[in-house]
Amino acid sequence: MSKENALAALNLEAPKKIPRTEYSADSHWELIKAVTGIDVSPESSHEIRTKASAAFMKAWDYGFIWNVWATSHTCLQGHHTKMGHAKYAAGGVDFSDEISCPFETPEDVLEFRPDEFYTVPDKKSVLEQINGQYHYLENTFPDCVNMTGSYISCFSGLIDMFGWEMLLTAAGTDPEEFGQVVESYGRFITKYFEILAESDADVVMIHDDLCWTSGPVIAPQWYRDYVFPVLKKETSILKDCNKKVLFTSDGNFTEFIDDIAKCGVDGFVLEPTTDMKYMAEKYGKTHVIVGNADTRILLGGTKDDIEAEVRRCMDIGRDCPGFFMAVGNHIPSNTPVENALYYNEMYEKYAVRK
């Protein structure tokens, strides 16, 4: 019933069992082995890992799988900053010490016009790739709602193109001129949204890491002048083709909850630093809300702490017809297996609406 419950929640129909999704748990191989009995590790074949992940998601009753197609690798044609990557995934398979930036000075950034530099391949080939990924997910995870989307919708695209140092230096040097760079990027990336809108997926994820844990990294009005018009345009393109549009940002985007809602999205995906209580009180009857248990409690808390955190989220979300439970900032591979199992036990305990 996980897919049916998820579809009901996406349509704000308050299914009897609150659906859920999780992030990164599907590659926590020790947890997956404990749940499914499948002998799997980072060194296992792709086939075995995929089989084990699918079995785990079914056992944990995932309602949807968070997914995007548009990334720096698919859209930015190799012309973007590489910032390296710390060890996060099991076995450290995601570690990278490759660091480079194609922009040498803030002036290089301010003069750059993405819509004049980047090209979009022919629509047919892009649409085939998007649909190919989507149908692969549909075939591999048939018990979940699957989706497509963009990881580089606007601000995250700036991060990938310029890296944090160049982005913040350019924005501080000339905020208005940097705004022109954003508008140029919007003209480029919305061409991909026009193709995403024609895809076979009914749900599209707009990902944009607007904030750090402390909140916005540039003056909020700057976002309102330059970033949100791009996000609103992207949402409009998708809604014109009857897509359900969900929005994800890392960090604390409480400052921007109302701005994002005004962009026309159908729902929010949030980490625990964003105020879900405010979101639920204002948008809980009209929008999907996905979140927002704190992974730090699973990493180091007691069983009482874990139960209290699940109850906190459920108490906020229970009366919201589109609420999904999730650990908002992932269940990484260093999460103690016994804590993750107890978290799932508590989810099952509190998931059924009375």
Protein backbone atom coordinates (compact mmCIF):
# COMPACT_ATOMS: atom_id res chain seq x y z
CA MET A 1 0.00 0.00 0.00
CA SER A 2 3.02 2.33 0.14
CA LYS A 3 2.55 3.66 -3.38
CA GLU A 4 -1.19 4.12 -2.88
CA ASN A 5 -0.61 5.95 0.41
CA ALA A 6 1.99 8.18 -1.22
CA LEU A 7 -0.32 9.06 -4.11
CA ALA A 8 -3.08 9.86 -1.64
CA ALA A 9 -0.76 12.14 0.34
CA LEU A 10 0.46 13.87 -2.82
CA ASN A 11 -3.19 14.58 -3.58
CA LEU A 12 -3.80 15.80 0.00
CA GLU A 13 -6.17 12.93 0.76
CA ALA A 14 -4.77 12.03 4.22
CA PRO A 15 -4.20 8.26 3.89
CA LYS A 16 -4.83 6.29 7.06
CA LYS A 17 -1.15 5.40 7.30
CA ILE A 18 1.23 8.34 7.04
CA PRO A 19 3.66 7.51 4.21
CA ARG A 20 7.40 7.97 4.43
CA THR A 21 10.59 8.29 2.47
CA GLU A 22 14.23 8.28 3.52
CA TYR A 23 17.55 9.40 2.05
CA SER A 24 20.84 7.46 2.01
CA ALA A 25 19.41 4.58 4.05
CA ASP A 26 19.14 2.60 0.80
CA SER A 27 22.95 2.47 0.69
CA HIS A 28 23.50 1.79 4.40
CA TRP A 29 24.51 -1.77 3.63
CA GLU A 30 24.76 -3.06 7.22
CA LEU A 31 21.25 -1.78 7.89
CA ILE A 32 19.97 -3.27 4.65
CA LYS A 33 21.56 -6.60 5.49
CA ALA A 34 19.90 -6.54 8.91
CA VAL A 35 16.47 -5.74 7.44
CA THR A 36 16.48 -7.94 4.32
CA GLY A 37 18.93 -10.73 5.11
CA ILE A 38 20.68 -10.08 1.80
CA ASP A 39 24.47 -10.32 2.05
CA VAL A 40 25.45 -6.97 0.54
CA SER A 41 28.35 -4.54 0.89
CA PRO A 42 29.92 -1.63 -1.01
CA GLU A 43 31.94 -4.22 -2.94
CA SER A 44 28.86 -6.16 -4.12
CA SER A 45 27.86 -6.04 -7.75
CA HIS A 46 25.51 -3.32 -8.96
CA GLU A 47 22.84 -5.99 -9.48
CA ILE A 48 23.02 -7.24 -5.90
CA ARG A 49 23.12 -3.73 -4.45
CA THR A 50 20.10 -2.68 -6.49
CA LYS A 51 18.19 -5.82 -5.50
CA ALA A 52 19.03 -5.26 -1.84
CA SER A 53 18.07 -1.57 -1.93
CA ALA A 54 14.73 -2.38 -3.56
CA ALA A 55 13.99 -5.05 -0.96
CA PHE A 56 14.91 -2.63 1.83
CA MET A 57 12.69 0.15 0.48
CA LYS A 58 9.79 -2.27 0.26
CA ALA A 59 10.38 -3.54 3.80
CA TRP A 60 10.56 0.02 5.13
CA ASP A 61 7.45 0.98 3.15
CA TYR A 62 8.92 3.87 1.14
CA GLY A 63 6.16 5.97 -0.46
CA PHE A 64 8.35 7.77 -2.96
CA ILE A 65 11.97 7.88 -4.09
CA TRP A 66 13.63 11.29 -4.21
CA ASN A 67 15.23 11.66 -7.63
CA VAL A 68 16.43 14.26 -10.14
CA TRP A 69 17.86 14.04 -13.66
CA ALA A 70 19.31 17.51 -14.31
CA THR A 71 22.68 17.87 -12.60
CA SER A 72 25.99 19.55 -13.32
CA HIS A 73 27.08 16.34 -15.05
CA THR A 74 24.08 16.20 -17.39
CA CYS A 75 23.71 19.93 -18.11
CA LEU A 76 26.87 21.97 -17.43
CA GLN A 77 29.07 20.31 -20.05
CA GLY A 78 32.16 20.00 -17.83
CA HIS A 79 32.41 23.76 -17.28
CA HIS A 80 31.84 23.95 -13.54
CA THR A 81 33.73 24.00 -10.27
CA LYS A 82 34.86 20.78 -8.62
CA MET A 83 34.96 21.18 -4.85
CA GLY A 84 35.98 17.66 -3.86
CA HIS A 85 33.84 15.45 -1.66
CA ALA A 86 34.34 14.11 1.86
CA LYS A 87 33.77 10.46 2.72
CA TYR A 88 30.05 10.01 3.30
CA ALA A 89 28.81 6.85 1.61
CA ALA A 90 29.56 3.35 2.90
CA GLY A 91 33.13 2.39 2.06
CA GLY A 92 33.99 6.00 1.22
CA VAL A 93 33.14 5.37 -2.44
CA ASP A 94 32.11 9.01 -2.89
CA PHE A 95 35.43 10.52 -1.75
CA SER A 96 37.07 12.94 -4.17
CA ASP A 97 40.05 15.24 -3.72
CA GLU A 98 39.61 16.83 -7.16
CA ILE A 99 39.37 20.61 -6.73
CA SER A 100 39.31 23.05 -9.63
CA CYS A 101 37.47 26.18 -10.75
CA PRO A 102 37.23 27.53 -14.32
CA PHE A 103 36.80 31.08 -12.96
CA GLU A 104 39.91 32.87 -11.73
CA THR A 105 38.49 36.16 -10.43
CA PRO A 106 35.12 37.55 -9.25
CA GLU A 107 35.13 39.66 -12.41
CA ASP A 108 35.19 36.45 -14.48
CA VAL A 109 32.04 35.38 -12.67
CA LEU A 110 30.30 38.73 -13.09
CA GLU A 111 31.02 38.75 -16.82
CA PHE A 112 29.82 35.18 -17.37
CA ARG A 113 26.48 34.66 -19.12
CA PRO A 114 25.40 31.02 -18.85
CA ASP A 115 22.70 31.27 -21.52
CA GLU A 116 25.33 32.43 -24.03
CA PHE A 117 27.94 29.84 -23.01
CA TYR A 118 25.99 26.60 -22.47
CA THR A 119 23.96 24.86 -25.14
CA VAL A 120 21.01 22.52 -24.73
CA PRO A 121 21.15 19.34 -26.85
CA ASP A 122 18.20 18.58 -29.08
CA LYS A 123 15.01 18.09 -27.11
CA LYS A 124 14.39 14.57 -28.34
CA SER A 125 17.66 13.19 -27.01
CA VAL A 126 17.28 14.94 -23.64
CA LEU A 127 13.69 13.73 -23.26
CA GLU A 128 14.79 10.17 -24.06
CA GLN A 129 17.40 10.35 -21.30
CA ILE A 130 14.94 11.76 -18.76
CA ASN A 131 12.29 9.19 -19.59
CA GLY A 132 14.87 6.41 -19.69
CA GLN A 133 15.95 7.15 -16.13
CA TYR A 134 12.36 7.52 -14.96
CA HIS A 135 11.21 4.21 -16.47
CA TYR A 136 14.26 2.43 -15.07
CA LEU A 137 13.17 3.59 -11.62
CA GLU A 138 9.58 2.56 -12.31
CA ASN A 139 10.72 -0.93 -13.26
CA THR A 140 13.20 -1.25 -10.40
CA PHE A 141 11.06 0.26 -7.62
CA PRO A 142 7.45 -0.41 -8.67
CA ASP A 143 6.07 -0.08 -5.14
CA CYS A 144 7.06 3.60 -4.90
CA VAL A 145 6.08 6.82 -6.59
CA ASN A 146 9.02 7.75 -8.80
CA MET A 147 9.93 11.17 -10.14
CA THR A 148 12.34 13.26 -12.15
CA GLY A 149 13.68 16.73 -11.49
CA SER A 150 16.59 19.14 -11.31
CA TYR A 151 19.40 19.44 -8.78
CA ILE A 152 20.67 22.71 -10.29
CA SER A 153 17.44 24.68 -10.50
CA CYS A 154 18.95 28.08 -9.66
CA PHE A 155 21.07 28.76 -6.59
CA SER A 156 22.47 25.22 -6.60
CA GLY A 157 23.41 25.80 -10.22
CA LEU A 158 25.41 28.85 -9.13
CA ILE A 159 27.16 26.76 -6.48
CA ASP A 160 28.09 24.10 -9.03
CA MET A 161 29.25 26.60 -11.64
CA PHE A 162 31.29 28.90 -9.42
CA GLY A 163 31.98 27.15 -6.12
CA TRP A 164 31.33 28.83 -2.79
CA GLU A 165 34.35 31.13 -2.74
CA MET A 166 33.77 32.66 -6.17
CA LEU A 167 29.99 32.77 -5.69
CA LEU A 168 30.12 34.69 -2.43
CA THR A 169 32.96 36.97 -3.52
CA ALA A 170 31.18 37.91 -6.75
CA ALA A 171 27.86 38.43 -4.95
CA GLY A 172 29.58 40.68 -2.41
CA THR A 173 31.52 42.58 -5.07
CA ASP A 174 28.48 43.57 -7.14
CA PRO A 175 25.13 42.07 -6.08
CA GLU A 176 23.20 43.66 -8.93
CA GLU A 177 25.60 42.49 -11.63
CA PHE A 178 25.63 39.04 -10.05
CA GLY A 179 21.85 39.18 -10.28
CA GLN A 180 22.26 39.56 -14.04
CA VAL A 181 24.28 36.33 -14.02
CA VAL A 182 21.38 34.65 -12.20
CA GLU A 183 18.88 35.91 -14.75
CA SER A 184 21.08 34.61 -17.55
CA TYR A 185 21.32 31.23 -15.82
CA GLY A 186 17.53 31.22 -15.50
CA ARG A 187 17.15 31.69 -19.25
CA PHE A 188 19.43 28.69 -19.78
CA ILE A 189 18.11 26.23 -17.19
CA THR A 190 14.41 26.85 -17.90
CA LYS A 191 14.98 25.28 -21.31
CA TYR A 192 15.60 22.02 -19.46
CA PHE A 193 12.45 22.57 -17.41
CA GLU A 194 10.48 22.82 -20.62
CA ILE A 195 11.73 19.32 -21.43
CA LEU A 196 11.15 18.01 -17.90
CA ALA A 197 7.57 19.25 -18.24
CA GLU A 198 7.07 16.94 -21.24
CA SER A 199 8.48 13.88 -19.46
CA ASP A 200 6.45 10.84 -18.47
CA ALA A 201 6.91 11.53 -14.75
CA ASP A 202 3.93 12.97 -12.91
CA VAL A 203 6.07 14.32 -10.05
CA VAL A 204 9.02 16.68 -10.55
CA MET A 205 11.49 17.71 -7.85
CA ILE A 206 12.95 21.22 -7.86
CA HIS A 207 16.09 21.10 -5.73
CA ASP A 208 17.80 24.34 -4.75
CA ASP A 209 20.08 24.67 -1.75
CA LEU A 210 19.18 28.23 -0.84
CA CYS A 211 20.60 28.28 2.67
CA TRP A 212 23.14 27.05 5.13
CA THR A 213 22.17 25.78 8.57
CA SER A 214 22.39 29.38 9.76
CA GLY A 215 20.02 30.60 7.03
CA PRO A 216 20.46 32.62 3.81
CA VAL A 217 24.03 33.30 2.70
CA ILE A 218 23.17 36.53 0.83
CA ALA A 219 20.70 39.27 1.79
CA PRO A 220 17.15 37.83 1.61
CA GLN A 221 15.94 40.62 -0.67
CA TRP A 222 18.57 39.63 -3.22
CA TYR A 223 17.04 36.16 -3.41
CA ARG A 224 13.62 37.75 -3.86
CA ASP A 225 14.88 39.98 -6.64
CA TYR A 226 16.76 37.34 -8.61
CA VAL A 227 16.38 33.71 -7.44
CA PHE A 228 12.67 33.35 -6.77
CA PRO A 229 11.60 34.74 -10.17
CA VAL A 230 13.59 31.88 -11.74
CA LEU A 231 12.04 29.29 -9.42
CA LYS A 232 8.56 30.68 -10.08
CA LYS A 233 9.12 30.43 -13.84
CA GLU A 234 10.32 26.84 -13.51
CA THR A 235 7.31 25.92 -11.39
CA SER A 236 4.93 27.58 -13.83
CA ILE A 237 6.39 25.60 -16.74
CA LEU A 238 5.83 22.34 -14.86
CA LYS A 239 2.38 23.21 -13.55
CA ASP A 240 1.24 24.13 -17.07
CA CYS A 241 1.83 20.45 -17.89
CA ASN A 242 -0.04 19.25 -14.78
CA LYS A 243 3.01 18.07 -12.84
CA LYS A 244 3.10 17.77 -9.08
CA VAL A 245 6.01 20.01 -8.07
CA LEU A 246 7.96 19.43 -4.86
CA PHE A 247 10.72 21.73 -3.63
CA THR A 248 13.82 20.72 -1.66
CA SER A 249 16.43 22.88 0.02
CA ASP A 250 19.09 21.95 2.54
CA GLY A 251 19.72 24.17 5.53
CA ASN A 252 17.33 26.49 7.32
CA PHE A 253 14.98 28.06 4.76
CA THR A 254 12.36 29.20 7.29
CA GLU A 255 12.95 32.78 6.08
CA PHE A 256 11.80 31.72 2.60
CA ILE A 257 8.87 29.37 3.26
CA ASP A 258 6.34 31.97 2.14
CA ASP A 259 8.42 32.94 -0.91
CA ILE A 260 8.64 29.32 -2.04
CA ALA A 261 4.91 28.85 -1.56
CA LYS A 262 4.31 31.92 -3.75
CA CYS A 263 6.32 30.24 -6.50
CA GLY A 264 3.44 27.79 -6.83
CA VAL A 265 5.01 24.54 -5.63
CA ASP A 266 2.84 21.72 -4.32
CA GLY A 267 5.07 20.75 -1.45
CA PHE A 268 8.21 21.19 0.63
CA VAL A 269 11.05 18.78 1.47
CA LEU A 270 13.01 20.06 4.45
CA GLU A 271 15.78 19.38 6.91
CA PRO A 272 15.21 19.64 10.68
CA THR A 273 16.61 23.17 10.96
CA THR A 274 13.66 24.57 8.98
CA ASP A 275 10.58 25.32 11.10
CA MET A 276 8.14 22.57 10.18
CA LYS A 277 5.66 23.75 12.81
CA TYR A 278 5.28 27.12 11.10
CA MET A 279 5.06 25.40 7.73
CA ALA A 280 2.36 23.02 8.95
CA GLU A 281 0.32 25.76 10.60
CA LYS A 282 0.27 27.90 7.46
CA TYR A 283 0.48 25.36 4.61
CA GLY A 284 -0.34 22.01 6.17
CA LYS A 285 -3.80 21.78 4.60
CA THR A 286 -2.73 22.94 1.14
CA HIS A 287 0.77 21.56 0.59
CA VAL A 288 2.75 18.34 0.86
CA ILE A 289 5.30 18.39 3.70
CA VAL A 290 8.18 15.89 3.85
CA GLY A 291 10.30 15.70 6.99
CA ASN A 292 11.86 16.38 9.31
CA ALA A 293 13.43 14.15 11.98
CA ASP A 294 17.02 14.98 12.93
CA THR A 295 19.63 12.40 12.01
CA ARG A 296 21.85 13.57 14.89
CA ILE A 297 19.37 11.95 17.26
CA LEU A 298 19.65 8.64 15.41
CA LEU A 299 23.44 8.95 15.44
CA GLY A 300 23.87 9.51 19.15
CA GLY A 301 20.55 9.55 20.97
CA THR A 302 18.87 7.08 23.26
CA LYS A 303 15.76 5.09 22.39
CA ASP A 304 13.72 7.62 24.34
CA ASP A 305 15.28 10.43 22.30
CA ILE A 306 14.47 8.67 19.04
CA GLU A 307 10.87 8.02 20.05
CA ALA A 308 10.46 11.64 21.14
CA GLU A 309 11.80 12.88 17.81
CA VAL A 310 9.41 10.68 15.82
CA ARG A 311 6.53 11.84 18.00
CA ARG A 312 7.53 15.49 17.50
CA CYS A 313 7.31 15.11 13.74
CA MET A 314 4.13 13.06 13.83
CA ASP A 315 2.44 15.48 16.23
CA ILE A 316 3.15 18.33 13.80
CA GLY A 317 2.33 16.43 10.62
CA ARG A 318 -0.53 14.14 11.63
CA ASP A 319 -3.28 16.63 10.76
CA CYS A 320 -1.60 17.60 7.48
CA PRO A 321 -3.15 15.47 4.72
CA GLY A 322 0.01 15.56 2.60
CA PHE A 323 2.53 14.76 5.33
CA PHE A 324 5.38 12.27 4.73
CA MET A 325 7.69 11.14 7.52
CA ALA A 326 11.42 11.29 6.80
CA VAL A 327 14.75 11.84 8.49
CA GLY A 328 15.29 15.23 6.94
CA ASN A 329 19.08 15.18 6.83
CA HIS A 330 19.61 11.55 5.78
CA ILE A 331 20.38 8.24 7.46
CA PRO A 332 24.09 7.87 6.59
CA SER A 333 26.07 4.66 6.77
CA ASN A 334 27.62 5.51 10.16
CA THR A 335 24.18 5.48 11.82
CA PRO A 336 24.10 2.66 14.40
CA VAL A 337 22.00 -0.14 12.95
CA GLU A 338 20.10 -0.65 16.20
CA ASN A 339 19.13 3.04 16.28
CA ALA A 340 17.91 2.97 12.68
CA LEU A 341 15.89 -0.16 13.39
CA TYR A 342 14.34 1.45 16.45
CA TYR A 343 13.52 4.57 14.46
CA ASN A 344 11.64 2.42 11.98
CA GLU A 345 9.85 0.68 14.85
CA MET A 346 8.72 4.06 16.14
CA TYR A 347 7.61 5.14 12.68
CA GLU A 348 5.39 2.06 12.45
CA LYS A 349 4.09 2.69 15.97
CA TYR A 350 2.91 6.24 15.25
CA ALA A 351 2.20 6.17 11.50
CA VAL A 352 -1.46 5.17 11.57
CA ARG A 353 -3.91 8.04 11.88
CA LYS A 354 -6.54 7.35 14.54
